[in-house]
Amino acid sequence: MRMGLWNTLVWPVLLLLMMSRAEIASEPLRFRISPEPEVVYSYERQRCDWRMIPDSPARAYRRQDGSVALIAAHFRNRVLEGSSFADLHPRCSVVSQGKESADPSVFDDRFWIQSLIPLDGGRVLGLASQEFSGLRHDGLCAKGTGRPECWYLSLVALEANERDFSFTLLPRNRRLIAGSNKRFDTSTKAAGFLTLSNTVFDGEHAYFVAWTEDAAKPDGRGNCLFRAPRSNLVAAWQVMGEGRFVPPPNPYPADGRNPVQATCDRLGNGDITGKIRSLIRLESRKLWMVVWSTRVNDIGGIYYATSPDLRNWSAAFLLAPFEPPWGTSEKKAYYDYPSIIDHDSPSPVFQTVGSTFYLYMTRFNWQSKRPTMNRDLVRFEVSLD
């Protein structure tokens, strides 16, 4: 089905569903979402090669000259850039790529840059989700029937100049932000931290949220809160565990010390069931807000929760009924990797939003065949009543 026809026929019904669910839940926030998306990047028209896809939530960065860089990372990381959000265009050069090392202790297999942090002198700190997959390295892991398998995950730090956004991993002794509580072995199914939100600043600290496969309490899997002082945004990240901030897991300390083990508090009391992709400040409500994609009672969509303090979170509510690509076998367009960006935010990393903002997502164009590499980056205008 063509996207215009899909929106014409289906969107009013889904919008009614979204509004009715909000009323049933007595949710105080009301959002209005434009029925048609703007295409920010088109795979069919703008790709530089067949692997140029939006494979992470969109992150925007305002340079000191006012121009904008935007990344929706793949493991071959590229950027879109322009004088404003209205004229973003892809730069074909790969700005960073992991070495696909077969050594899990160096944290340099494949990585997806998912958080941008301004540093002094026009430098940018990038935080990335690093994936070591034993299945990609000959003889290390045997492929079985289970999924995932041999999946060893961590968060790593990189640095670039804001002009070219060419990111380089920090030296090994400063590279790891958080890893697994155990060292890699071939029996590993899924372990460590992956996919993090953007980083925000509040008072004297910076914060982000990351998903762990095995360190959250209770149940192992979940979203956890990280914090670092503004004075040390590289080496001082800690994770909240039992209500206080502690050093995160480090299975391979570069200084030869014993591995660091830690657990973290799962955010949301079990109500935030998906990987948090975006964290922003609703200025008019003095609230923090996170978004993620999931399915609840077979209803797929973009869900959100709010918090006054980043620690205590509301129940989850449906923001928009955009279905994620997993959990179904139908052929149609799907959406994932939600990110909220207010183009008028004064923040260089767009951490604040006003009454109108954009919901950025990856659209999977699977109307005739699934899965394919055909993905677009799109945005919907959102108004907060």
Protein backbone atom coordinates (compact mmCIF):
# COMPACT_ATOMS: atom_id res chain seq x y z
CA MET A 1 0.00 0.00 0.00
CA ARG A 2 1.33 3.44 -0.88
CA MET A 3 2.27 5.56 2.15
CA GLY A 4 -0.08 8.41 1.24
CA LEU A 5 -3.03 6.03 0.97
CA TRP A 6 -1.98 4.28 4.21
CA ASN A 7 -2.02 7.59 6.05
CA THR A 8 -5.36 8.60 4.55
CA LEU A 9 -7.16 5.38 5.46
CA VAL A 10 -5.48 4.15 8.61
CA TRP A 11 -4.06 7.14 10.46
CA PRO A 12 -7.43 8.64 11.62
CA VAL A 13 -8.40 5.28 13.17
CA LEU A 14 -5.06 4.93 14.91
CA LEU A 15 -5.15 8.53 16.11
CA LEU A 16 -8.59 7.89 17.61
CA LEU A 17 -7.20 4.80 19.32
CA MET A 18 -4.30 6.81 20.69
CA MET A 19 -6.58 9.53 22.09
CA SER A 20 -9.03 7.04 23.59
CA ARG A 21 -6.25 5.12 25.34
CA ALA A 22 -4.96 8.37 26.81
CA GLU A 23 -8.44 9.14 28.19
CA ILE A 24 -8.80 5.67 29.69
CA ALA A 25 -5.41 6.03 31.35
CA SER A 26 -6.24 9.54 32.69
CA GLU A 27 -2.99 10.74 31.18
CA PRO A 28 -2.49 14.49 31.69
CA LEU A 29 -0.32 15.05 28.60
CA ARG A 30 -2.03 15.52 25.22
CA PHE A 31 -0.12 15.31 21.96
CA ARG A 32 -1.21 16.09 18.42
CA ILE A 33 0.83 14.46 15.66
CA SER A 34 0.91 15.47 12.02
CA PRO A 35 -0.65 12.82 9.75
CA GLU A 36 2.12 12.99 7.12
CA PRO A 37 5.87 12.61 7.70
CA GLU A 38 8.69 14.69 6.30
CA VAL A 39 11.39 12.53 4.75
CA VAL A 40 14.78 13.58 6.13
CA TYR A 41 16.78 10.88 4.35
CA SER A 42 15.54 8.66 1.52
CA TYR A 43 17.29 5.34 0.98
CA GLU A 44 16.11 5.13 -2.64
CA ARG A 45 17.19 8.65 -3.61
CA GLN A 46 20.11 9.57 -1.34
CA ARG A 47 22.07 6.49 -0.31
CA CYS A 48 25.80 6.52 -0.91
CA ASP A 49 25.99 2.71 -0.90
CA TRP A 50 23.63 -0.17 -0.13
CA ARG A 51 24.55 -0.21 3.58
CA MET A 52 23.77 3.45 4.28
CA ILE A 53 20.77 3.06 6.58
CA PRO A 54 19.43 4.87 9.67
CA ASP A 55 20.12 2.16 12.24
CA SER A 56 19.93 4.14 15.50
CA PRO A 57 17.91 7.01 16.96
CA ALA A 58 18.63 10.38 15.34
CA ARG A 59 20.95 12.69 17.29
CA ALA A 60 21.44 16.33 16.36
CA TYR A 61 24.31 18.67 17.18
CA ARG A 62 24.49 22.43 16.61
CA ARG A 63 27.99 23.58 15.72
CA GLN A 64 29.38 26.87 16.95
CA ASP A 65 28.71 28.46 13.53
CA GLY A 66 25.01 27.50 13.78
CA SER A 67 25.08 24.66 11.25
CA VAL A 68 23.60 21.29 12.15
CA ALA A 69 25.04 17.78 12.07
CA LEU A 70 22.74 14.79 12.52
CA ILE A 71 23.63 11.15 12.94
CA ALA A 72 21.32 8.12 12.93
CA ALA A 73 24.17 5.70 13.29
CA HIS A 74 25.04 2.51 11.51
CA PHE A 75 28.25 0.59 12.30
CA ARG A 76 29.61 2.42 9.25
CA ASN A 77 28.87 5.79 10.80
CA ARG A 78 27.98 8.71 8.52
CA VAL A 79 26.35 12.09 9.13
CA LEU A 80 23.75 14.36 7.58
CA GLU A 81 24.63 18.04 7.72
CA GLY A 82 23.34 21.41 6.62
CA SER A 83 22.97 25.06 7.52
CA SER A 84 19.69 24.12 9.24
CA PHE A 85 17.31 21.18 9.67
CA ALA A 86 15.59 22.26 6.45
CA ASP A 87 18.52 21.37 4.18
CA LEU A 88 20.16 18.33 5.76
CA HIS A 89 22.00 16.18 3.23
CA PRO A 90 24.18 13.08 3.58
CA ARG A 91 27.95 13.21 3.58
CA CYS A 92 29.14 10.01 1.95
CA SER A 93 32.45 9.62 3.75
CA VAL A 94 32.41 7.20 6.68
CA VAL A 95 33.28 9.24 9.77
CA SER A 96 34.02 6.27 12.02
CA GLN A 97 34.03 2.50 11.93
CA GLY A 98 35.19 -0.21 14.32
CA LYS A 99 38.09 -2.50 13.47
CA GLU A 100 35.97 -5.64 13.98
CA SER A 101 38.62 -6.97 16.35
CA ALA A 102 38.31 -10.61 17.39
CA ASP A 103 39.56 -9.68 20.88
CA PRO A 104 36.58 -8.84 23.14
CA SER A 105 38.82 -7.14 25.70
CA VAL A 106 39.73 -4.21 23.40
CA PHE A 107 36.08 -3.15 22.78
CA ASP A 108 36.65 -2.41 19.09
CA ASP A 109 34.41 -4.69 17.03
CA ARG A 110 31.44 -2.70 15.67
CA PHE A 111 29.96 0.41 17.24
CA TRP A 112 26.99 2.72 16.72
CA ILE A 113 27.42 6.34 17.92
CA GLN A 114 24.28 7.21 19.86
CA SER A 115 25.11 10.18 22.11
CA LEU A 116 26.85 13.48 21.38
CA ILE A 117 28.40 15.64 24.12
CA PRO A 118 30.05 19.05 23.56
CA LEU A 119 33.54 19.47 24.97
CA ASP A 120 35.84 22.50 25.06
CA GLY A 121 37.56 23.79 21.93
CA GLY A 122 35.02 22.54 19.41
CA ARG A 123 35.52 18.91 20.36
CA VAL A 124 32.69 16.39 20.59
CA LEU A 125 32.56 13.34 22.81
CA GLY A 126 30.66 10.46 21.25
CA LEU A 127 29.25 7.60 23.30
CA ALA A 128 28.60 4.46 21.31
CA SER A 129 26.97 1.07 21.63
CA GLN A 130 29.76 -1.45 20.91
CA GLU A 131 28.80 -4.94 19.83
CA PHE A 132 31.20 -7.86 19.97
CA SER A 133 29.62 -10.80 18.16
CA GLY A 134 31.39 -14.12 18.44
CA LEU A 135 29.38 -15.36 15.47
CA ARG A 136 31.28 -12.99 13.17
CA HIS A 137 34.70 -14.31 14.15
CA ASP A 138 35.65 -17.65 12.63
CA GLY A 139 35.82 -20.52 15.05
CA LEU A 140 34.89 -18.50 18.13
CA CYS A 141 31.21 -19.40 18.46
CA ALA A 142 29.08 -22.01 16.79
CA LYS A 143 25.76 -20.79 15.50
CA GLY A 144 22.85 -22.53 17.18
CA THR A 145 19.09 -22.21 17.25
CA GLY A 146 18.81 -19.63 20.04
CA ARG A 147 18.73 -15.86 19.62
CA PRO A 148 20.66 -13.92 20.63
CA GLU A 149 23.88 -15.87 20.96
CA CYS A 150 27.48 -14.92 21.63
CA TRP A 151 26.44 -11.26 21.95
CA TYR A 152 28.83 -9.26 24.17
CA LEU A 153 27.95 -5.61 24.62
CA SER A 154 29.47 -2.43 26.00
CA LEU A 155 29.38 1.37 25.91
CA VAL A 156 32.51 3.09 24.63
CA ALA A 157 33.78 6.66 24.22
CA LEU A 158 35.10 8.39 21.10
CA GLU A 159 36.16 11.93 20.25
CA ALA A 160 35.90 14.12 17.15
CA ASN A 161 36.20 17.71 16.02
CA GLU A 162 32.77 19.26 15.46
CA ARG A 163 33.75 20.35 11.95
CA ASP A 164 34.33 16.92 10.43
CA PHE A 165 32.69 14.59 12.98
CA SER A 166 35.40 12.01 12.30
CA PHE A 167 35.29 10.03 15.53
CA THR A 168 38.19 8.05 16.95
CA LEU A 169 37.98 5.63 19.86
CA LEU A 170 39.69 6.93 22.97
CA PRO A 171 42.83 5.06 24.13
CA ARG A 172 42.16 1.66 25.64
CA ASN A 173 42.61 2.88 29.24
CA ARG A 174 39.90 5.56 28.74
CA ARG A 175 37.63 3.84 26.24
CA LEU A 176 35.17 1.77 28.25
CA ILE A 177 32.14 3.44 29.84
CA ALA A 178 30.33 0.25 30.92
CA GLY A 179 30.65 -3.43 30.09
CA SER A 180 29.50 -6.78 31.40
CA ASN A 181 29.83 -8.28 34.88
CA LYS A 182 31.63 -11.26 33.40
CA ARG A 183 34.34 -11.81 30.84
CA PHE A 184 33.45 -13.17 27.45
CA ASP A 185 33.16 -16.90 26.90
CA THR A 186 31.59 -18.92 24.11
CA SER A 187 28.57 -19.81 26.25
CA THR A 188 27.55 -16.15 26.44
CA LYS A 189 24.04 -15.51 25.13
CA ALA A 190 23.67 -11.76 25.67
CA ALA A 191 25.62 -9.77 28.25
CA GLY A 192 26.53 -6.15 29.00
CA PHE A 193 25.15 -2.73 28.12
CA LEU A 194 23.91 -1.58 24.73
CA THR A 195 21.89 1.16 23.05
CA LEU A 196 21.97 4.37 25.04
CA SER A 197 19.88 7.52 24.96
CA ASN A 198 21.20 10.96 24.17
CA THR A 199 23.02 12.72 27.03
CA VAL A 200 21.38 15.60 28.91
CA PHE A 201 22.69 18.09 31.45
CA ASP A 202 21.06 18.96 34.75
CA GLY A 203 22.86 21.04 37.37
CA GLU A 204 26.45 19.90 37.79
CA HIS A 205 25.96 16.54 36.09
CA ALA A 206 25.29 14.90 32.74
CA TYR A 207 22.95 11.91 32.42
CA PHE A 208 21.99 9.22 29.95
CA VAL A 209 19.97 5.99 30.06
CA ALA A 210 21.25 2.67 28.72
CA TRP A 211 19.78 -0.80 28.36
CA THR A 212 21.48 -3.79 29.96
CA GLU A 213 20.96 -7.44 29.16
CA ASP A 214 22.09 -8.76 32.54
CA ALA A 215 22.89 -6.12 35.18
CA ALA A 216 19.53 -4.55 36.07
CA LYS A 217 17.67 -5.34 39.28
CA PRO A 218 15.26 -7.01 39.26
CA ASP A 219 15.23 -9.49 36.35
CA GLY A 220 18.56 -8.61 34.71
CA ARG A 221 17.26 -6.77 31.64
CA GLY A 222 16.17 -3.14 31.68
CA ASN A 223 17.07 0.55 31.46
CA CYS A 224 19.54 2.07 33.92
CA LEU A 225 20.56 5.67 34.68
CA PHE A 226 24.15 6.90 34.27
CA ARG A 227 25.67 10.12 35.64
CA ALA A 228 28.98 11.99 35.35
CA PRO A 229 30.11 15.40 36.64
CA ARG A 230 30.48 18.13 34.05
CA SER A 231 34.13 18.38 35.09
CA ASN A 232 34.89 14.83 33.92
CA LEU A 233 32.64 13.62 31.12
CA VAL A 234 35.01 10.87 30.00
CA ALA A 235 36.30 8.94 32.99
CA ALA A 236 33.77 9.54 35.77
CA TRP A 237 30.57 7.85 34.58
CA GLN A 238 28.67 5.93 37.23
CA VAL A 239 25.44 3.95 37.18
CA MET A 240 22.63 4.14 39.72
CA GLY A 241 22.40 1.01 41.86
CA GLU A 242 20.39 0.69 45.07
CA GLY A 243 19.65 4.39 44.93
CA ARG A 244 23.24 5.63 44.69
CA PHE A 245 25.74 6.04 41.88
CA VAL A 246 28.50 3.40 41.68
CA PRO A 247 31.22 2.48 39.15
CA PRO A 248 29.71 0.45 36.29
CA PRO A 249 30.88 -3.04 35.32
CA ASN A 250 34.33 -3.35 33.77
CA PRO A 251 35.34 -6.92 32.90
CA TYR A 252 38.77 -6.03 31.49
CA PRO A 253 40.36 -3.11 33.42
CA ALA A 254 43.23 -1.67 31.39
CA ASP A 255 45.31 -1.09 34.54
CA GLY A 256 45.45 -4.79 35.37
CA ARG A 257 43.21 -4.55 38.43
CA ASN A 258 40.43 -6.97 39.23
CA PRO A 259 37.24 -6.72 37.14
CA VAL A 260 34.57 -4.35 38.46
CA GLN A 261 31.12 -5.81 39.03
CA ALA A 262 27.94 -3.85 39.68
CA THR A 263 24.18 -4.01 39.37
CA CYS A 264 21.86 -1.12 38.55
CA ASP A 265 18.32 -0.07 39.36
CA ARG A 266 15.87 -0.81 36.56
CA LEU A 267 13.96 2.36 35.72
CA GLY A 268 10.20 2.45 35.58
CA ASN A 269 9.12 -0.26 38.01
CA GLY A 270 8.67 -2.73 35.16
CA ASP A 271 6.39 -0.42 33.18
CA ILE A 272 9.10 0.73 30.74
CA THR A 273 9.40 -2.50 28.79
CA GLY A 274 11.43 -1.31 25.79
CA LYS A 275 14.86 0.17 25.24
CA ILE A 276 14.74 3.89 25.99
CA ARG A 277 15.88 5.71 22.85
CA SER A 278 15.45 9.41 23.65
CA LEU A 279 15.56 11.55 26.81
CA ILE A 280 14.42 15.17 26.77
CA ARG A 281 13.28 17.98 29.04
CA LEU A 282 9.69 19.21 28.66
CA GLU A 283 10.33 22.80 29.65
CA SER A 284 6.69 23.86 29.95
CA ARG A 285 5.93 21.02 32.38
CA LYS A 286 9.30 20.89 34.21
CA LEU A 287 9.42 17.19 33.49
CA TRP A 288 11.85 14.76 31.90
CA MET A 289 10.43 12.48 29.23
CA VAL A 290 11.65 9.27 27.61
CA VAL A 291 10.35 7.41 24.55
CA TRP A 292 10.74 3.86 23.27
CA SER A 293 9.01 1.47 20.88
CA THR A 294 7.33 -1.73 21.99
CA ARG A 295 4.14 -3.76 21.89
CA VAL A 296 1.68 -3.71 24.79
CA ASN A 297 -1.29 -6.09 24.65
CA ASP A 298 -0.52 -6.60 20.93
CA ILE A 299 -0.65 -2.85 20.29
CA GLY A 300 2.60 -1.67 18.78
CA GLY A 301 3.64 1.93 19.13
CA ILE A 302 5.89 4.64 20.51
CA TYR A 303 5.41 4.86 24.26
CA TYR A 304 6.58 7.45 26.76
CA ALA A 305 6.95 8.12 30.48
CA THR A 306 7.75 11.27 32.45
CA SER A 307 9.75 12.03 35.57
CA PRO A 308 10.44 15.04 37.80
CA ASP A 309 13.91 13.84 38.79
CA LEU A 310 15.16 11.16 36.31
CA ARG A 311 14.79 8.50 39.02
CA ASN A 312 11.05 8.11 39.58
CA TRP A 313 8.98 7.52 36.45
CA SER A 314 5.30 7.61 35.59
CA ALA A 315 3.37 4.77 34.05
CA ALA A 316 3.91 4.16 30.34
CA PHE A 317 1.51 5.78 27.87
CA LEU A 318 1.05 5.55 24.12
CA LEU A 319 2.44 8.54 22.24
CA ALA A 320 1.75 7.32 18.70
CA PRO A 321 0.64 3.98 17.20
CA PHE A 322 3.64 3.39 14.95
CA GLU A 323 4.30 -0.33 14.82
CA PRO A 324 7.86 -1.67 15.29
CA PRO A 325 9.12 -4.21 12.71
CA TRP A 326 9.47 -7.10 15.14
CA GLY A 327 6.66 -9.25 16.49
CA THR A 328 4.76 -9.56 13.22
CA SER A 329 5.19 -11.01 9.74
CA GLU A 330 2.98 -8.62 7.79
CA LYS A 331 4.27 -6.69 4.79
CA LYS A 332 3.89 -2.96 5.38
CA ALA A 333 5.78 0.08 6.65
CA TYR A 334 7.15 -0.13 10.19
CA TYR A 335 8.81 2.39 12.52
CA ASP A 336 11.51 2.16 15.17
CA TYR A 337 14.33 4.12 16.84
CA PRO A 338 12.19 7.06 18.05
CA SER A 339 13.93 10.29 18.95
CA ILE A 340 12.53 13.67 19.97
CA ILE A 341 14.18 16.85 18.66
CA ASP A 342 13.00 20.45 18.95
CA HIS A 343 14.70 22.36 16.14
CA ASP A 344 14.40 25.58 18.15
CA SER A 345 16.03 24.26 21.32
CA PRO A 346 18.83 26.55 22.55
CA SER A 347 20.81 23.49 23.66
CA PRO A 348 23.67 22.46 21.32
CA VAL A 349 22.51 18.84 21.78
CA PHE A 350 18.78 19.70 21.63
CA GLN A 351 17.94 18.36 25.07
CA THR A 352 14.95 20.66 25.64
CA VAL A 353 11.59 20.89 23.87
CA GLY A 354 8.84 23.48 23.81
CA SER A 355 5.20 23.12 22.84
CA THR A 356 6.09 21.94 19.31
CA PHE A 357 8.80 19.46 18.36
CA TYR A 358 9.57 16.56 16.00
CA LEU A 359 9.40 12.83 16.47
CA TYR A 360 12.19 11.34 14.34
CA MET A 361 12.01 7.63 13.42
CA THR A 362 13.44 5.08 11.05
CA ARG A 363 10.77 3.90 8.60
CA PHE A 364 11.22 0.33 7.36
CA ASN A 365 9.79 0.17 3.84
CA TRP A 366 8.65 -3.43 3.87
CA GLN A 367 5.39 -3.08 1.95
CA SER A 368 6.33 -5.64 -0.71
CA LYS A 369 9.17 -7.63 0.85
CA ARG A 370 10.62 -8.08 4.31
CA PRO A 371 13.22 -7.66 5.49
CA THR A 372 15.15 -5.38 3.14
CA MET A 373 17.73 -2.62 3.58
CA ASN A 374 15.22 -0.02 2.37
CA ARG A 375 14.86 2.37 5.31
CA ASP A 376 14.17 6.09 5.46
CA LEU A 377 14.69 8.62 8.23
CA VAL A 378 11.43 10.53 8.73
CA ARG A 379 10.02 13.06 11.17
CA PHE A 380 6.50 13.92 12.34
CA GLU A 381 5.63 17.27 13.86
CA VAL A 382 4.20 16.97 17.38
CA SER A 383 2.35 19.58 19.43
CA LEU A 384 1.87 19.39 23.17
CA ASP A 385 -1.52 20.77 24.21
